[in-house]
Amino acid sequence: FLTPKQVANLLGISQSSCYELMNSDNFPV
């Protein structure tokens, strides 16, 4: 299981962008 911070680091995006992605309909959160 990955935290938002880990996902952001993995994808090379900011944490705020990661939270935006995690709030989208098709993201597997």
Full PDB file with SEQRES, HELIX, SHEET, SSBOND, CRYST1, ORIGX, SCALE, CONECT and MASTER records, all heavy atoms in Angstrom:
SEQRES   1 A   29  PHE LEU THR PRO LYS GLN VAL ALA ASN LEU LEU GLY ILE          
SEQRES   2 A   29  SER GLN SER SER CYS TYR GLU LEU MET ASN SER ASP ASN          
SEQRES   3 A   29  PHE PRO VAL                                                  
HELIX    1 AA1 PRO A    4  LEU A   11  1                                   8    
HELIX    2 AA2 GLN A   15  MET A   22  1                                   8    
CRYST1    1.000    1.000    1.000  90.00  90.00  90.00 P 1           1          
ORIGX1      1.000000  0.000000  0.000000        0.00000                         
ORIGX2      0.000000  1.000000  0.000000        0.00000                         
ORIGX3      0.000000  0.000000  1.000000        0.00000                         
SCALE1      1.000000  0.000000  0.000000        0.00000                         
SCALE2      0.000000  1.000000  0.000000        0.00000                         
SCALE3      0.000000  0.000000  1.000000        0.00000                         
ATOM      1  N   PHE A   1       0.852  -1.187   0.000  1.00  0.00           N  
ATOM      2  CA  PHE A   1       0.000   0.000   0.000  1.00  0.00           C  
ATOM      3  C   PHE A   1       0.885   1.232   0.000  1.00  0.00           C  
ATOM      4  O   PHE A   1       1.847   1.293   0.764  1.00  0.00           O  
ATOM      5  CB  PHE A   1      -0.927   0.026   1.220  1.00  0.00           C  
ATOM      6  CG  PHE A   1      -2.004  -1.016   1.171  1.00  0.00           C  
ATOM      7  CD1 PHE A   1      -1.828  -2.239   1.768  1.00  0.00           C  
ATOM      8  CD2 PHE A   1      -3.197  -0.761   0.511  1.00  0.00           C  
ATOM      9  CE1 PHE A   1      -2.814  -3.207   1.725  1.00  0.00           C  
ATOM     10  CE2 PHE A   1      -4.195  -1.725   0.455  1.00  0.00           C  
ATOM     11  CZ  PHE A   1      -4.005  -2.947   1.060  1.00  0.00           C  
ATOM     12  N   LEU A   2       0.542   2.201  -0.840  1.00  0.00           N  
ATOM     13  CA  LEU A   2       1.336   3.419  -0.939  1.00  0.00           C  
ATOM     14  C   LEU A   2       0.542   4.614  -0.416  1.00  0.00           C  
ATOM     15  O   LEU A   2      -0.652   4.737  -0.681  1.00  0.00           O  
ATOM     16  CB  LEU A   2       1.722   3.684  -2.397  1.00  0.00           C  
ATOM     17  CG  LEU A   2       2.683   2.673  -2.991  1.00  0.00           C  
ATOM     18  CD1 LEU A   2       1.929   1.687  -3.843  1.00  0.00           C  
ATOM     19  CD2 LEU A   2       3.732   3.378  -3.795  1.00  0.00           C  
ATOM     20  N   THR A   3       1.230   5.475   0.299  1.00  0.00           N  
ATOM     21  CA  THR A   3       0.638   6.708   0.793  1.00  0.00           C  
ATOM     22  C   THR A   3       0.612   7.732  -0.339  1.00  0.00           C  
ATOM     23  O   THR A   3       1.323   7.569  -1.343  1.00  0.00           O  
ATOM     24  CB  THR A   3       1.470   7.276   1.960  1.00  0.00           C  
ATOM     25  OG1 THR A   3       2.749   7.659   1.452  1.00  0.00           O  
ATOM     26  CG2 THR A   3       1.609   6.270   3.097  1.00  0.00           C  
ATOM     27  N   PRO A   4      -0.163   8.797  -0.182  1.00  0.00           N  
ATOM     28  CA  PRO A   4      -0.144   9.850  -1.208  1.00  0.00           C  
ATOM     29  C   PRO A   4       1.265  10.399  -1.452  1.00  0.00           C  
ATOM     30  O   PRO A   4       1.640  10.661  -2.598  1.00  0.00           O  
ATOM     31  CB  PRO A   4      -1.072  10.924  -0.629  1.00  0.00           C  
ATOM     32  CG  PRO A   4      -2.029  10.154   0.217  1.00  0.00           C  
ATOM     33  CD  PRO A   4      -1.200   9.050   0.824  1.00  0.00           C  
ATOM     34  N   LYS A   5       2.047  10.544  -0.404  1.00  0.00           N  
ATOM     35  CA  LYS A   5       3.415  11.042  -0.563  1.00  0.00           C  
ATOM     36  C   LYS A   5       4.251  10.081  -1.408  1.00  0.00           C  
ATOM     37  O   LYS A   5       5.005  10.499  -2.286  1.00  0.00           O  
ATOM     38  CB  LYS A   5       4.063  11.246   0.805  1.00  0.00           C  
ATOM     39  CG  LYS A   5       5.443  11.834   0.740  1.00  0.00           C  
ATOM     40  CD  LYS A   5       6.003  12.101   2.119  1.00  0.00           C  
ATOM     41  CE  LYS A   5       7.392  12.723   2.015  1.00  0.00           C  
ATOM     42  NZ  LYS A   5       7.941  13.039   3.339  1.00  0.00           N  
ATOM     43  N   GLN A   6       4.117   8.778  -1.167  1.00  0.00           N  
ATOM     44  CA  GLN A   6       4.861   7.788  -1.947  1.00  0.00           C  
ATOM     45  C   GLN A   6       4.416   7.780  -3.409  1.00  0.00           C  
ATOM     46  O   GLN A   6       5.241   7.678  -4.309  1.00  0.00           O  
ATOM     47  CB  GLN A   6       4.690   6.395  -1.333  1.00  0.00           C  
ATOM     48  CG  GLN A   6       5.398   6.235  -0.012  1.00  0.00           C  
ATOM     49  CD  GLN A   6       5.027   4.946   0.694  1.00  0.00           C  
ATOM     50  OE1 GLN A   6       3.850   4.575   0.752  1.00  0.00           O  
ATOM     51  NE2 GLN A   6       6.034   4.262   1.229  1.00  0.00           N  
ATOM     52  N   VAL A   7       3.103   7.883  -3.634  1.00  0.00           N  
ATOM     53  CA  VAL A   7       2.591   7.914  -5.008  1.00  0.00           C  
ATOM     54  C   VAL A   7       3.114   9.152  -5.723  1.00  0.00           C  
ATOM     55  O   VAL A   7       3.563   9.081  -6.874  1.00  0.00           O  
ATOM     56  CB  VAL A   7       1.041   7.872  -5.030  1.00  0.00           C  
ATOM     57  CG1 VAL A   7       0.513   8.081  -6.441  1.00  0.00           C  
ATOM     58  CG2 VAL A   7       0.539   6.559  -4.469  1.00  0.00           C  
ATOM     59  N   ALA A   8       3.089  10.297  -5.044  1.00  0.00           N  
ATOM     60  CA  ALA A   8       3.583  11.540  -5.637  1.00  0.00           C  
ATOM     61  C   ALA A   8       5.053  11.412  -6.014  1.00  0.00           C  
ATOM     62  O   ALA A   8       5.458  11.788  -7.122  1.00  0.00           O  
ATOM     63  CB  ALA A   8       3.374  12.702  -4.670  1.00  0.00           C  
ATOM     64  N   ASN A   9       5.870  10.866  -5.111  1.00  0.00           N  
ATOM     65  CA  ASN A   9       7.296  10.682  -5.398  1.00  0.00           C  
ATOM     66  C   ASN A   9       7.508   9.717  -6.561  1.00  0.00           C  
ATOM     67  O   ASN A   9       8.359   9.948  -7.417  1.00  0.00           O  
ATOM     68  CB  ASN A   9       8.036  10.181  -4.159  1.00  0.00           C  
ATOM     69  CG  ASN A   9       8.219  11.253  -3.122  1.00  0.00           C  
ATOM     70  OD1 ASN A   9       8.215  12.443  -3.423  1.00  0.00           O  
ATOM     71  ND2 ASN A   9       8.352  10.845  -1.878  1.00  0.00           N  
ATOM     72  N   LEU A  10       6.742   8.650  -6.578  1.00  0.00           N  
ATOM     73  CA  LEU A  10       6.866   7.648  -7.633  1.00  0.00           C  
ATOM     74  C   LEU A  10       6.530   8.236  -9.000  1.00  0.00           C  
ATOM     75  O   LEU A  10       7.218   7.980  -9.985  1.00  0.00           O  
ATOM     76  CB  LEU A  10       5.952   6.464  -7.333  1.00  0.00           C  
ATOM     77  CG  LEU A  10       5.955   5.330  -8.340  1.00  0.00           C  
ATOM     78  CD1 LEU A  10       7.291   4.607  -8.315  1.00  0.00           C  
ATOM     79  CD2 LEU A  10       4.831   4.364  -8.058  1.00  0.00           C  
ATOM     80  N   LEU A  11       5.460   9.045  -9.051  1.00  0.00           N  
ATOM     81  CA  LEU A  11       5.016   9.622 -10.315  1.00  0.00           C  
ATOM     82  C   LEU A  11       5.744  10.917 -10.664  1.00  0.00           C  
ATOM     83  O   LEU A  11       5.595  11.428 -11.777  1.00  0.00           O  
ATOM     84  CB  LEU A  11       3.503   9.881 -10.275  1.00  0.00           C  
ATOM     85  CG  LEU A  11       2.623   8.649 -10.087  1.00  0.00           C  
ATOM     86  CD1 LEU A  11       1.156   9.060 -10.027  1.00  0.00           C  
ATOM     87  CD2 LEU A  11       2.858   7.632 -11.193  1.00  0.00           C  
ATOM     88  N   GLY A  12       6.504  11.462  -9.719  1.00  0.00           N  
ATOM     89  CA  GLY A  12       7.228  12.699  -9.975  1.00  0.00           C  
ATOM     90  C   GLY A  12       6.314  13.911 -10.033  1.00  0.00           C  
ATOM     91  O   GLY A  12       6.533  14.818 -10.830  1.00  0.00           O  
ATOM     92  N   ILE A  13       5.277  13.909  -9.191  1.00  0.00           N  
ATOM     93  CA  ILE A  13       4.337  15.018  -9.140  1.00  0.00           C  
ATOM     94  C   ILE A  13       4.268  15.550  -7.710  1.00  0.00           C  
ATOM     95  O   ILE A  13       4.756  14.908  -6.780  1.00  0.00           O  
ATOM     96  CB  ILE A  13       2.920  14.609  -9.620  1.00  0.00           C  
ATOM     97  CG1 ILE A  13       2.338  13.485  -8.752  1.00  0.00           C  
ATOM     98  CG2 ILE A  13       2.963  14.185 -11.086  1.00  0.00           C  
ATOM     99  CD1 ILE A  13       0.906  13.090  -9.098  1.00  0.00           C  
ATOM    100  N   SER A  14       3.674  16.724  -7.538  1.00  0.00           N  
ATOM    101  CA  SER A  14       3.533  17.290  -6.201  1.00  0.00           C  
ATOM    102  C   SER A  14       2.473  16.520  -5.415  1.00  0.00           C  
ATOM    103  O   SER A  14       1.631  15.831  -5.998  1.00  0.00           O  
ATOM    104  CB  SER A  14       3.138  18.762  -6.288  1.00  0.00           C  
ATOM    105  OG  SER A  14       1.817  18.883  -6.793  1.00  0.00           O  
ATOM    106  N   GLN A  15       2.510  16.675  -4.105  1.00  0.00           N  
ATOM    107  CA  GLN A  15       1.508  16.014  -3.279  1.00  0.00           C  
ATOM    108  C   GLN A  15       0.119  16.572  -3.555  1.00  0.00           C  
ATOM    109  O   GLN A  15      -0.856  15.821  -3.544  1.00  0.00           O  
ATOM    110  CB  GLN A  15       1.852  16.152  -1.798  1.00  0.00           C  
ATOM    111  CG  GLN A  15       2.826  15.088  -1.337  1.00  0.00           C  
ATOM    112  CD  GLN A  15       2.964  15.059   0.163  1.00  0.00           C  
ATOM    113  OE1 GLN A  15       3.881  15.670   0.703  1.00  0.00           O  
ATOM    114  NE2 GLN A  15       2.081  14.372   0.830  1.00  0.00           N  
ATOM    115  N   SER A  16       0.025  17.869  -3.827  1.00  0.00           N  
ATOM    116  CA  SER A  16      -1.295  18.438  -4.122  1.00  0.00           C  
ATOM    117  C   SER A  16      -1.840  17.875  -5.431  1.00  0.00           C  
ATOM    118  O   SER A  16      -3.032  17.580  -5.538  1.00  0.00           O  
ATOM    119  CB  SER A  16      -1.246  19.966  -4.154  1.00  0.00           C  
ATOM    120  OG  SER A  16      -0.364  20.429  -5.141  1.00  0.00           O  
ATOM    121  N   SER A  17      -0.985  17.671  -6.427  1.00  0.00           N  
ATOM    122  CA  SER A  17      -1.421  17.040  -7.682  1.00  0.00           C  
ATOM    123  C   SER A  17      -1.817  15.593  -7.442  1.00  0.00           C  
ATOM    124  O   SER A  17      -2.748  15.086  -8.056  1.00  0.00           O  
ATOM    125  CB  SER A  17      -0.314  17.104  -8.733  1.00  0.00           C  
ATOM    126  OG  SER A  17      -0.091  18.427  -9.134  1.00  0.00           O  
ATOM    127  N   CYS A  18      -1.116  14.935  -6.539  1.00  0.00           N  
ATOM    128  CA  CYS A  18      -1.438  13.548  -6.218  1.00  0.00           C  
ATOM    129  C   CYS A  18      -2.815  13.459  -5.560  1.00  0.00           C  
ATOM    130  O   CYS A  18      -3.610  12.586  -5.907  1.00  0.00           O  
ATOM    131  CB  CYS A  18      -0.370  12.955  -5.312  1.00  0.00           C  
ATOM    132  SG  CYS A  18      -0.666  11.218  -4.920  1.00  0.00           S  
ATOM    133  N   TYR A  19      -3.108  14.360  -4.627  1.00  0.00           N  
ATOM    134  CA  TYR A  19      -4.424  14.352  -3.984  1.00  0.00           C  
ATOM    135  C   TYR A  19      -5.522  14.643  -5.008  1.00  0.00           C  
ATOM    136  O   TYR A  19      -6.598  14.046  -4.952  1.00  0.00           O  
ATOM    137  CB  TYR A  19      -4.486  15.354  -2.835  1.00  0.00           C  
ATOM    138  CG  TYR A  19      -3.904  14.803  -1.559  1.00  0.00           C  
ATOM    139  CD1 TYR A  19      -2.686  15.268  -1.069  1.00  0.00           C  
ATOM    140  CD2 TYR A  19      -4.560  13.812  -0.841  1.00  0.00           C  
ATOM    141  CE1 TYR A  19      -2.148  14.764   0.104  1.00  0.00           C  
ATOM    142  CE2 TYR A  19      -4.026  13.296   0.323  1.00  0.00           C  
ATOM    143  CZ  TYR A  19      -2.820  13.774   0.798  1.00  0.00           C  
ATOM    144  OH  TYR A  19      -2.294  13.259   1.949  1.00  0.00           O  
ATOM    145  N   GLU A  20      -5.243  15.535  -5.950  1.00  0.00           N  
ATOM    146  CA  GLU A  20      -6.213  15.813  -7.011  1.00  0.00           C  
ATOM    147  C   GLU A  20      -6.463  14.551  -7.835  1.00  0.00           C  
ATOM    148  O   GLU A  20      -7.603  14.210  -8.145  1.00  0.00           O  
ATOM    149  CB  GLU A  20      -5.690  16.946  -7.895  1.00  0.00           C  
ATOM    150  CG  GLU A  20      -6.667  17.457  -8.902  1.00  0.00           C  
ATOM    151  CD  GLU A  20      -6.134  18.645  -9.668  1.00  0.00           C  
ATOM    152  OE1 GLU A  20      -5.463  19.503  -9.072  1.00  0.00           O  
ATOM    153  OE2 GLU A  20      -6.390  18.709 -10.887  1.00  0.00           O  
ATOM    154  N   LEU A  21      -5.393  13.842  -8.176  1.00  0.00           N  
ATOM    155  CA  LEU A  21      -5.514  12.588  -8.918  1.00  0.00           C  
ATOM    156  C   LEU A  21      -6.284  11.546  -8.105  1.00  0.00           C  
ATOM    157  O   LEU A  21      -7.163  10.855  -8.634  1.00  0.00           O  
ATOM    158  CB  LEU A  21      -4.115  12.062  -9.257  1.00  0.00           C  
ATOM    159  CG  LEU A  21      -4.017  10.785 -10.068  1.00  0.00           C  
ATOM    160  CD1 LEU A  21      -4.646  10.962 -11.445  1.00  0.00           C  
ATOM    161  CD2 LEU A  21      -2.558  10.370 -10.205  1.00  0.00           C  
ATOM    162  N   MET A  22      -5.993  11.466  -6.822  1.00  0.00           N  
ATOM    163  CA  MET A  22      -6.650  10.478  -5.965  1.00  0.00           C  
ATOM    164  C   MET A  22      -8.138  10.776  -5.776  1.00  0.00           C  
ATOM    165  O   MET A  22      -8.905   9.882  -5.435  1.00  0.00           O  
ATOM    166  CB  MET A  22      -5.946  10.395  -4.613  1.00  0.00           C  
ATOM    167  CG  MET A  22      -4.561   9.800  -4.695  1.00  0.00           C  
ATOM    168  SD  MET A  22      -3.693   9.808  -3.131  1.00  0.00           S  
ATOM    169  CE  MET A  22      -4.171   8.189  -2.515  1.00  0.00           C  
ATOM    170  N   ASN A  23      -8.541  12.010  -5.997  1.00  0.00           N  
ATOM    171  CA  ASN A  23      -9.956  12.375  -5.900  1.00  0.00           C  
ATOM    172  C   ASN A  23     -10.697  12.217  -7.219  1.00  0.00           C  
ATOM    173  O   ASN A  23     -11.906  12.415  -7.270  1.00  0.00           O  
ATOM    174  CB  ASN A  23     -10.104  13.813  -5.393  1.00  0.00           C  
ATOM    175  CG  ASN A  23      -9.779  13.928  -3.922  1.00  0.00           C  
ATOM    176  OD1 ASN A  23     -10.077  13.034  -3.146  1.00  0.00           O  
ATOM    177  ND2 ASN A  23      -9.156  15.024  -3.538  1.00  0.00           N  
ATOM    178  N   SER A  24      -9.991  11.851  -8.296  1.00  0.00           N  
ATOM    179  CA  SER A  24     -10.652  11.641  -9.579  1.00  0.00           C  
ATOM    180  C   SER A  24     -11.404  10.309  -9.565  1.00  0.00           C  
ATOM    181  O   SER A  24     -11.114   9.411  -8.785  1.00  0.00           O  
ATOM    182  CB  SER A  24      -9.643  11.684 -10.730  1.00  0.00           C  
ATOM    183  OG  SER A  24      -8.730  10.621 -10.647  1.00  0.00           O  
ATOM    184  N   ASP A  25     -12.378  10.198 -10.449  1.00  0.00           N  
ATOM    185  CA  ASP A  25     -13.284   9.036 -10.452  1.00  0.00           C  
ATOM    186  C   ASP A  25     -12.606   7.707 -10.771  1.00  0.00           C  
ATOM    187  O   ASP A  25     -12.972   6.681 -10.232  1.00  0.00           O  
ATOM    188  CB  ASP A  25     -14.427   9.267 -11.434  1.00  0.00           C  
ATOM    189  CG  ASP A  25     -15.387  10.339 -10.950  1.00  0.00           C  
ATOM    190  OD1 ASP A  25     -15.462  10.571  -9.730  1.00  0.00           O  
ATOM    191  OD2 ASP A  25     -16.060  10.938 -11.806  1.00  0.00           O  
ATOM    192  N   ASN A  26     -11.631   7.711 -11.658  1.00  0.00           N  
ATOM    193  CA  ASN A  26     -11.096   6.424 -12.123  1.00  0.00           C  
ATOM    194  C   ASN A  26      -9.784   6.013 -11.447  1.00  0.00           C  
ATOM    195  O   ASN A  26      -9.187   5.019 -11.824  1.00  0.00           O  
ATOM    196  CB  ASN A  26     -10.930   6.441 -13.639  1.00  0.00           C  
ATOM    197  CG  ASN A  26      -9.800   7.338 -14.102  1.00  0.00           C  
ATOM    198  OD1 ASN A  26      -9.392   8.259 -13.403  1.00  0.00           O  
ATOM    199  ND2 ASN A  26      -9.289   7.077 -15.283  1.00  0.00           N  
ATOM    200  N   PHE A  27      -9.325   6.761 -10.445  1.00  0.00           N  
ATOM    201  CA  PHE A  27      -8.072   6.409  -9.787  1.00  0.00           C  
ATOM    202  C   PHE A  27      -8.342   5.400  -8.673  1.00  0.00           C  
ATOM    203  O   PHE A  27      -9.278   5.566  -7.892  1.00  0.00           O  
ATOM    204  CB  PHE A  27      -7.374   7.653  -9.223  1.00  0.00           C  
ATOM    205  CG  PHE A  27      -5.948   7.416  -8.868  1.00  0.00           C  
ATOM    206  CD1 PHE A  27      -4.984   7.346  -9.851  1.00  0.00           C  
ATOM    207  CD2 PHE A  27      -5.570   7.233  -7.552  1.00  0.00           C  
ATOM    208  CE1 PHE A  27      -3.649   7.104  -9.525  1.00  0.00           C  
ATOM    209  CE2 PHE A  27      -4.255   6.998  -7.221  1.00  0.00           C  
ATOM    210  CZ  PHE A  27      -3.297   6.934  -8.211  1.00  0.00           C  
ATOM    211  N   PRO A  28      -7.514   4.358  -8.554  1.00  0.00           N  
ATOM    212  CA  PRO A  28      -7.781   3.248  -7.624  1.00  0.00           C  
ATOM    213  C   PRO A  28      -7.389   3.522  -6.171  1.00  0.00           C  
ATOM    214  O   PRO A  28      -6.499   2.891  -5.621  1.00  0.00           O  
ATOM    215  CB  PRO A  28      -6.947   2.112  -8.213  1.00  0.00           C  
ATOM    216  CG  PRO A  28      -5.765   2.809  -8.805  1.00  0.00           C  
ATOM    217  CD  PRO A  28      -6.335   4.090  -9.383  1.00  0.00           C  
ATOM    218  N   VAL A  29      -8.044   4.466  -5.554  1.00  0.00           N  
ATOM    219  CA  VAL A  29      -7.740   4.802  -4.162  1.00  0.00           C  
ATOM    220  C   VAL A  29      -8.558   3.912  -3.227  1.00  0.00           C  
ATOM    221  O   VAL A  29      -9.683   3.528  -3.533  1.00  0.00           O  
ATOM    222  CB  VAL A  29      -7.991   6.300  -3.889  1.00  0.00           C  
ATOM    223  CG1 VAL A  29      -9.462   6.633  -3.976  1.00  0.00           C  
ATOM    224  CG2 VAL A  29      -7.431   6.725  -2.561  1.00  0.00           C  
TER     225      VAL A  29                                                      
MASTER        0    0    0    2    0    0    0    6  224    1    0    3          
END                                                                             
